[in-house]
Amino acid sequence: MRRNKWLAKFGITLIGMCSLFIYGFSKVEAAEWKLFQATSVGNIYYFDSANIKHFPNDVVWVWVRIIETTGLVKRN
């Protein structure tokens, strides 16, 4: 009985992860990434201008892509 519960939880988790994986990739393919911030550390932030959603309570929903780098260092 305990094994069946574990197997059911594992199956539900696996299905959820797969659906999230597929849904995420379909949104990224049609994305129009635009730069909106770059930090001195080297992190670069983009937002998807094609998929911005506005909600009635003044909330904006948007996909954000973060690229973490070590920054540009020039050595002599």
PDB file of N, CA and C in Angstrom:
ATOM      1  N   MET A   1       0.826  -1.192   0.000  1.00  0.00           N
ATOM      2  CA  MET A   1       0.000   0.000   0.000  1.00  0.00           C
ATOM      3  C   MET A   1       0.871   1.258   0.000  1.00  0.00           C
ATOM      4  N   ARG A   2       1.923   1.247   0.794  1.00  0.00           N
ATOM      5  CA  ARG A   2       2.791   2.421   0.882  1.00  0.00           C
ATOM      6  C   ARG A   2       3.521   2.666  -0.439  1.00  0.00           C
ATOM      7  N   ARG A   3       3.897   1.560  -1.092  1.00  0.00           N
ATOM      8  CA  ARG A   3       4.591   1.682  -2.368  1.00  0.00           C
ATOM      9  C   ARG A   3       3.666   2.283  -3.428  1.00  0.00           C
ATOM     10  N   ASN A   4       2.402   1.934  -3.410  1.00  0.00           N
ATOM     11  CA  ASN A   4       1.446   2.476  -4.375  1.00  0.00           C
ATOM     12  C   ASN A   4       1.265   3.983  -4.197  1.00  0.00           C
ATOM     13  N   LYS A   5       1.240   4.452  -2.955  1.00  0.00           N
ATOM     14  CA  LYS A   5       1.130   5.891  -2.702  1.00  0.00           C
ATOM     15  C   LYS A   5       2.354   6.619  -3.242  1.00  0.00           C
ATOM     16  N   TRP A   6       3.534   6.052  -2.990  1.00  0.00           N
ATOM     17  CA  TRP A   6       4.773   6.672  -3.471  1.00  0.00           C
ATOM     18  C   TRP A   6       4.785   6.710  -4.992  1.00  0.00           C
ATOM     19  N   LEU A   7       4.363   5.610  -5.617  1.00  0.00           N
ATOM     20  CA  LEU A   7       4.338   5.544  -7.073  1.00  0.00           C
ATOM     21  C   LEU A   7       3.347   6.549  -7.655  1.00  0.00           C
ATOM     22  N   ALA A   8       2.206   6.719  -7.019  1.00  0.00           N
ATOM     23  CA  ALA A   8       1.215   7.690  -7.482  1.00  0.00           C
ATOM     24  C   ALA A   8       1.748   9.115  -7.363  1.00  0.00           C
ATOM     25  N   LYS A   9       2.386   9.439  -6.243  1.00  0.00           N
ATOM     26  CA  LYS A   9       2.963  10.778  -6.071  1.00  0.00           C
ATOM     27  C   LYS A   9       4.061  11.036  -7.096  1.00  0.00           C
ATOM     28  N   PHE A  10       4.889  10.028  -7.336  1.00  0.00           N
ATOM     29  CA  PHE A  10       5.959  10.169  -8.318  1.00  0.00           C
ATOM     30  C   PHE A  10       5.387  10.398  -9.714  1.00  0.00           C
ATOM     31  N   GLY A  11       4.345   9.650 -10.066  1.00  0.00           N
ATOM     32  CA  GLY A  11       3.720   9.802 -11.376  1.00  0.00           C
ATOM     33  C   GLY A  11       3.101  11.175 -11.570  1.00  0.00           C
ATOM     34  N   ILE A  12       2.418  11.666 -10.553  1.00  0.00           N
ATOM     35  CA  ILE A  12       1.804  12.994 -10.632  1.00  0.00           C
ATOM     36  C   ILE A  12       2.872  14.072 -10.770  1.00  0.00           C
ATOM     37  N   THR A  13       3.949  13.932 -10.003  1.00  0.00           N
ATOM     38  CA  THR A  13       5.047  14.901 -10.086  1.00  0.00           C
ATOM     39  C   THR A  13       5.692  14.874 -11.463  1.00  0.00           C
ATOM     40  N   LEU A  14       5.918  13.693 -12.000  1.00  0.00           N
ATOM     41  CA  LEU A  14       6.539  13.558 -13.319  1.00  0.00           C
ATOM     42  C   LEU A  14       5.662  14.161 -14.415  1.00  0.00           C
ATOM     43  N   ILE A  15       4.370  13.917 -14.355  1.00  0.00           N
ATOM     44  CA  ILE A  15       3.444  14.493 -15.340  1.00  0.00           C
ATOM     45  C   ILE A  15       3.426  16.016 -15.232  1.00  0.00           C
ATOM     46  N   GLY A  16       3.423  16.535 -14.014  1.00  0.00           N
ATOM     47  CA  GLY A  16       3.447  17.986 -13.816  1.00  0.00           C
ATOM     48  C   GLY A  16       4.706  18.619 -14.363  1.00  0.00           C
ATOM     49  N   MET A  17       5.851  17.986 -14.118  1.00  0.00           N
ATOM     50  CA  MET A  17       7.120  18.535 -14.618  1.00  0.00           C
ATOM     51  C   MET A  17       7.168  18.502 -16.139  1.00  0.00           C
ATOM     52  N   CYS A  18       6.690  17.428 -16.737  1.00  0.00           N
ATOM     53  CA  CYS A  18       6.690  17.329 -18.201  1.00  0.00           C
ATOM     54  C   CYS A  18       5.774  18.379 -18.830  1.00  0.00           C
ATOM     55  N   SER A  19       4.597  18.582 -18.249  1.00  0.00           N
ATOM     56  CA  SER A  19       3.688  19.583 -18.811  1.00  0.00           C
ATOM     57  C   SER A  19       4.249  20.990 -18.654  1.00  0.00           C
ATOM     58  N   LEU A  20       4.901  21.264 -17.536  1.00  0.00           N
ATOM     59  CA  LEU A  20       5.530  22.566 -17.346  1.00  0.00           C
ATOM     60  C   LEU A  20       6.681  22.756 -18.326  1.00  0.00           C
ATOM     61  N   PHE A  21       7.458  21.711 -18.554  1.00  0.00           N
ATOM     62  CA  PHE A  21       8.575  21.754 -19.492  1.00  0.00           C
ATOM     63  C   PHE A  21       8.083  22.056 -20.905  1.00  0.00           C
ATOM     64  N   ILE A  22       7.044  21.365 -21.341  1.00  0.00           N
ATOM     65  CA  ILE A  22       6.501  21.570 -22.687  1.00  0.00           C
ATOM     66  C   ILE A  22       5.868  22.951 -22.812  1.00  0.00           C
ATOM     67  N   TYR A  23       5.105  23.384 -21.819  1.00  0.00           N
ATOM     68  CA  TYR A  23       4.461  24.695 -21.845  1.00  0.00           C
ATOM     69  C   TYR A  23       5.497  25.811 -21.880  1.00  0.00           C
ATOM     70  N   GLY A  24       6.552  25.672 -21.102  1.00  0.00           N
ATOM     71  CA  GLY A  24       7.598  26.689 -21.063  1.00  0.00           C
ATOM     72  C   GLY A  24       8.308  26.841 -22.393  1.00  0.00           C
ATOM     73  N   PHE A  25       8.621  25.732 -23.063  1.00  0.00           N
ATOM     74  CA  PHE A  25       9.320  25.820 -24.334  1.00  0.00           C
ATOM     75  C   PHE A  25       8.448  26.411 -25.428  1.00  0.00           C
ATOM     76  N   SER A  26       7.163  26.145 -25.421  1.00  0.00           N
ATOM     77  CA  SER A  26       6.303  26.724 -26.458  1.00  0.00           C
ATOM     78  C   SER A  26       6.225  28.236 -26.312  1.00  0.00           C
ATOM     79  N   LYS A  27       6.306  28.756 -25.086  1.00  0.00           N
ATOM     80  CA  LYS A  27       6.280  30.201 -24.872  1.00  0.00           C
ATOM     81  C   LYS A  27       7.602  30.845 -25.274  1.00  0.00           C
ATOM     82  N   VAL A  28       8.709  30.159 -25.061  1.00  0.00           N
ATOM     83  CA  VAL A  28      10.021  30.737 -25.334  1.00  0.00           C
ATOM     84  C   VAL A  28      10.282  30.840 -26.830  1.00  0.00           C
ATOM     85  N   GLU A  29       9.773  29.913 -27.617  1.00  0.00           N
ATOM     86  CA  GLU A  29      10.030  29.926 -29.052  1.00  0.00           C
ATOM     87  C   GLU A  29       9.494  31.182 -29.724  1.00  0.00           C
ATOM     88  N   ALA A  30       8.362  31.679 -29.292  1.00  0.00           N
ATOM     89  CA  ALA A  30       7.747  32.851 -29.911  1.00  0.00           C
ATOM     90  C   ALA A  30       8.104  34.140 -29.177  1.00  0.00           C
ATOM     91  N   ALA A  31       9.086  34.091 -28.320  1.00  0.00           N
ATOM     92  CA  ALA A  31       9.424  35.245 -27.489  1.00  0.00           C
ATOM     93  C   ALA A  31      10.203  36.289 -28.282  1.00  0.00           C
ATOM     94  N   GLU A  32       9.979  37.543 -27.910  1.00  0.00           N
ATOM     95  CA  GLU A  32      10.756  38.665 -28.445  1.00  0.00           C
ATOM     96  C   GLU A  32      11.493  39.276 -27.262  1.00  0.00           C
ATOM     97  N   TRP A  33      12.713  38.792 -27.011  1.00  0.00           N
ATOM     98  CA  TRP A  33      13.468  39.216 -25.833  1.00  0.00           C
ATOM     99  C   TRP A  33      14.061  40.597 -26.046  1.00  0.00           C
ATOM    100  N   LYS A  34      13.828  41.490 -25.087  1.00  0.00           N
ATOM    101  CA  LYS A  34      14.383  42.844 -25.127  1.00  0.00           C
ATOM    102  C   LYS A  34      15.123  43.111 -23.824  1.00  0.00           C
ATOM    103  N   LEU A  35      16.267  43.730 -23.939  1.00  0.00           N
ATOM    104  CA  LEU A  35      17.088  44.054 -22.775  1.00  0.00           C
ATOM    105  C   LEU A  35      16.407  45.117 -21.931  1.00  0.00           C
ATOM    106  N   PHE A  36      16.361  44.917 -20.599  1.00  0.00           N
ATOM    107  CA  PHE A  36      15.845  45.990 -19.754  1.00  0.00           C
ATOM    108  C   PHE A  36      16.764  46.329 -18.603  1.00  0.00           C
ATOM    109  N   GLN A  37      17.780  45.520 -18.315  1.00  0.00           N
ATOM    110  CA  GLN A  37      18.724  45.894 -17.267  1.00  0.00           C
ATOM    111  C   GLN A  37      19.980  45.052 -17.390  1.00  0.00           C
ATOM    112  N   ALA A  38      21.112  45.687 -17.127  1.00  0.00           N
ATOM    113  CA  ALA A  38      22.391  44.992 -17.027  1.00  0.00           C
ATOM    114  C   ALA A  38      23.110  45.557 -15.812  1.00  0.00           C
ATOM    115  N   THR A  39      23.641  44.687 -14.981  1.00  0.00           N
ATOM    116  CA  THR A  39      24.288  45.136 -13.750  1.00  0.00           C
ATOM    117  C   THR A  39      25.790  45.202 -13.934  1.00  0.00           C
ATOM    118  N   SER A  40      26.459  45.882 -13.018  1.00  0.00           N
ATOM    119  CA  SER A  40      27.918  45.999 -13.089  1.00  0.00           C
ATOM    120  C   SER A  40      28.603  44.667 -12.818  1.00  0.00           C
ATOM    121  N   VAL A  41      27.924  43.764 -12.138  1.00  0.00           N
ATOM    122  CA  VAL A  41      28.482  42.436 -11.867  1.00  0.00           C
ATOM    123  C   VAL A  41      28.499  41.602 -13.143  1.00  0.00           C
ATOM    124  N   GLY A  42      27.623  41.906 -14.067  1.00  0.00           N
ATOM    125  CA  GLY A  42      27.578  41.188 -15.331  1.00  0.00           C
ATOM    126  C   GLY A  42      26.278  40.463 -15.587  1.00  0.00           C
ATOM    127  N   ASN A  43      25.319  40.545 -14.672  1.00  0.00           N
ATOM    128  CA  ASN A  43      24.021  39.904 -14.899  1.00  0.00           C
ATOM    129  C   ASN A  43      23.220  40.722 -15.905  1.00  0.00           C
ATOM    130  N   ILE A  44      22.589  40.030 -16.840  1.00  0.00           N
ATOM    131  CA  ILE A  44      21.821  40.680 -17.890  1.00  0.00           C
ATOM    132  C   ILE A  44      20.381  40.192 -17.784  1.00  0.00           C
ATOM    133  N   TYR A  45      19.419  41.109 -17.804  1.00  0.00           N
ATOM    134  CA  TYR A  45      18.002  40.789 -17.661  1.00  0.00           C
ATOM    135  C   TYR A  45      17.263  41.185 -18.932  1.00  0.00           C
ATOM    136  N   TYR A  46      16.470  40.257 -19.461  1.00  0.00           N
ATOM    137  CA  TYR A  46      15.648  40.490 -20.640  1.00  0.00           C
ATOM    138  C   TYR A  46      14.188  40.248 -20.273  1.00  0.00           C
ATOM    139  N   PHE A  47      13.254  40.884 -20.993  1.00  0.00           N
ATOM    140  CA  PHE A  47      11.838  40.577 -20.830  1.00  0.00           C
ATOM    141  C   PHE A  47      11.248  40.266 -22.195  1.00  0.00           C
ATOM    142  N   ASP A  48      10.187  39.487 -22.192  1.00  0.00           N
ATOM    143  CA  ASP A  48       9.520  39.088 -23.426  1.00  0.00           C
ATOM    144  C   ASP A  48       8.416  40.088 -23.741  1.00  0.00           C
ATOM    145  N   SER A  49       8.639  40.918 -24.736  1.00  0.00           N
ATOM    146  CA  SER A  49       7.670  41.967 -25.067  1.00  0.00           C
ATOM    147  C   SER A  49       6.444  41.426 -25.801  1.00  0.00           C
ATOM    148  N   ALA A  50       6.503  40.203 -26.303  1.00  0.00           N
ATOM    149  CA  ALA A  50       5.368  39.640 -27.036  1.00  0.00           C
ATOM    150  C   ALA A  50       4.321  39.021 -26.118  1.00  0.00           C
ATOM    151  N   ASN A  51       4.674  38.715 -24.877  1.00  0.00           N
ATOM    152  CA  ASN A  51       3.746  38.014 -23.981  1.00  0.00           C
ATOM    153  C   ASN A  51       3.505  38.770 -22.687  1.00  0.00           C
ATOM    154  N   ILE A  52       3.225  40.048 -22.762  1.00  0.00           N
ATOM    155  CA  ILE A  52       2.905  40.841 -21.573  1.00  0.00           C
ATOM    156  C   ILE A  52       1.398  40.780 -21.350  1.00  0.00           C
ATOM    157  N   LYS A  53       0.996  40.448 -20.117  1.00  0.00           N
ATOM    158  CA  LYS A  53      -0.429  40.384 -19.786  1.00  0.00           C
ATOM    159  C   LYS A  53      -0.721  41.366 -18.664  1.00  0.00           C
ATOM    160  N   HIS A  54      -1.786  42.133 -18.837  1.00  0.00           N
ATOM    161  CA  HIS A  54      -2.223  43.098 -17.827  1.00  0.00           C
ATOM    162  C   HIS A  54      -3.470  42.561 -17.133  1.00  0.00           C
ATOM    163  N   PHE A  55      -3.476  42.632 -15.804  1.00  0.00           N
ATOM    164  CA  PHE A  55      -4.616  42.184 -15.014  1.00  0.00           C
ATOM    165  C   PHE A  55      -5.342  43.391 -14.442  1.00  0.00           C
ATOM    166  N   PRO A  56      -6.621  43.255 -14.078  1.00  0.00           N
ATOM    167  CA  PRO A  56      -7.412  44.404 -13.624  1.00  0.00           C
ATOM    168  C   PRO A  56      -6.923  45.056 -12.334  1.00  0.00           C
ATOM    169  N   ASN A  57      -6.198  44.354 -11.496  1.00  0.00           N
ATOM    170  CA  ASN A  57      -5.743  44.933 -10.229  1.00  0.00           C
ATOM    171  C   ASN A  57      -4.340  45.540 -10.352  1.00  0.00           C
ATOM    172  N   ASP A  58      -4.018  46.089 -11.522  1.00  0.00           N
ATOM    173  CA  ASP A  58      -2.736  46.753 -11.804  1.00  0.00           C
ATOM    174  C   ASP A  58      -1.534  45.830 -11.652  1.00  0.00           C
ATOM    175  N   VAL A  59      -1.709  44.565 -11.974  1.00  0.00           N
ATOM    176  CA  VAL A  59      -0.615  43.600 -11.956  1.00  0.00           C
ATOM    177  C   VAL A  59      -0.229  43.310 -13.398  1.00  0.00           C
ATOM    178  N   VAL A  60       1.072  43.270 -13.659  1.00  0.00           N
ATOM    179  CA  VAL A  60       1.583  42.953 -14.988  1.00  0.00           C
ATOM    180  C   VAL A  60       2.332  41.628 -14.895  1.00  0.00           C
ATOM    181  N   TRP A  61       2.025  40.722 -15.808  1.00  0.00           N
ATOM    182  CA  TRP A  61       2.662  39.413 -15.841  1.00  0.00           C
ATOM    183  C   TRP A  61       3.538  39.360 -17.085  1.00  0.00           C
ATOM    184  N   VAL A  62       4.817  39.002 -16.931  1.00  0.00           N
ATOM    185  CA  VAL A  62       5.741  38.977 -18.059  1.00  0.00           C
ATOM    186  C   VAL A  62       6.806  37.913 -17.813  1.00  0.00           C
ATOM    187  N   TRP A  63       7.271  37.292 -18.894  1.00  0.00           N
ATOM    188  CA  TRP A  63       8.372  36.342 -18.793  1.00  0.00           C
ATOM    189  C   TRP A  63       9.669  37.124 -18.674  1.00  0.00           C
ATOM    190  N   VAL A  64      10.556  36.680 -17.788  1.00  0.00           N
ATOM    191  CA  VAL A  64      11.856  37.323 -17.600  1.00  0.00           C
ATOM    192  C   VAL A  64      12.941  36.278 -17.798  1.00  0.00           C
ATOM    193  N   ARG A  65      13.993  36.672 -18.499  1.00  0.00           N
ATOM    194  CA  ARG A  65      15.141  35.787 -18.736  1.00  0.00           C
ATOM    195  C   ARG A  65      16.359  36.433 -18.101  1.00  0.00           C
ATOM    196  N   ILE A  66      17.091  35.679 -17.295  1.00  0.00           N
ATOM    197  CA  ILE A  66      18.261  36.199 -16.594  1.00  0.00           C
ATOM    198  C   ILE A  66      19.491  35.435 -17.070  1.00  0.00           C
ATOM    199  N   ILE A  67      20.505  36.172 -17.467  1.00  0.00           N
ATOM    200  CA  ILE A  67      21.782  35.571 -17.838  1.00  0.00           C
ATOM    201  C   ILE A  67      22.807  36.040 -16.825  1.00  0.00           C
ATOM    202  N   GLU A  68      23.367  35.091 -16.083  1.00  0.00           N
ATOM    203  CA  GLU A  68      24.362  35.426 -15.067  1.00  0.00           C
ATOM    204  C   GLU A  68      25.752  35.190 -15.644  1.00  0.00           C
ATOM    205  N   THR A  69      26.576  36.224 -15.591  1.00  0.00           N
ATOM    206  CA  THR A  69      27.947  36.108 -16.076  1.00  0.00           C
ATOM    207  C   THR A  69      28.894  36.601 -14.996  1.00  0.00           C
ATOM    208  N   THR A  70      30.166  36.469 -15.250  1.00  0.00           N
ATOM    209  CA  THR A  70      31.157  36.978 -14.303  1.00  0.00           C
ATOM    210  C   THR A  70      31.533  38.409 -14.616  1.00  0.00           C
ATOM    211  N   GLY A  71      30.929  38.984 -15.628  1.00  0.00           N
ATOM    212  CA  GLY A  71      31.230  40.365 -16.000  1.00  0.00           C
ATOM    213  C   GLY A  71      32.364  40.423 -17.008  1.00  0.00           C
ATOM    214  N   LEU A  72      32.562  41.581 -17.545  1.00  0.00           N
ATOM    215  CA  LEU A  72      33.637  41.772 -18.509  1.00  0.00           C
ATOM    216  C   LEU A  72      34.843  42.348 -17.782  1.00  0.00           C
ATOM    217  N   VAL A  73      35.892  41.583 -17.748  1.00  0.00           N
ATOM    218  CA  VAL A  73      37.098  42.008 -17.042  1.00  0.00           C
ATOM    219  C   VAL A  73      38.231  42.096 -18.054  1.00  0.00           C
ATOM    220  N   LYS A  74      38.866  43.246 -18.098  1.00  0.00           N
ATOM    221  CA  LYS A  74      39.993  43.426 -18.999  1.00  0.00           C
ATOM    222  C   LYS A  74      41.272  43.340 -18.180  1.00  0.00           C
ATOM    223  N   ARG A  75      42.119  42.409 -18.533  1.00  0.00           N
ATOM    224  CA  ARG A  75      43.376  42.220 -17.798  1.00  0.00           C
ATOM    225  C   ARG A  75      44.546  42.642 -18.671  1.00  0.00           C
ATOM    226  N   ASN A  76      45.523  43.254 -18.033  1.00  0.00           N
ATOM    227  CA  ASN A  76      46.727  43.691 -18.762  1.00  0.00           C
ATOM    228  C   ASN A  76      47.803  42.636 -18.702  1.00  0.00           C
TER     229      ASN A  76
END
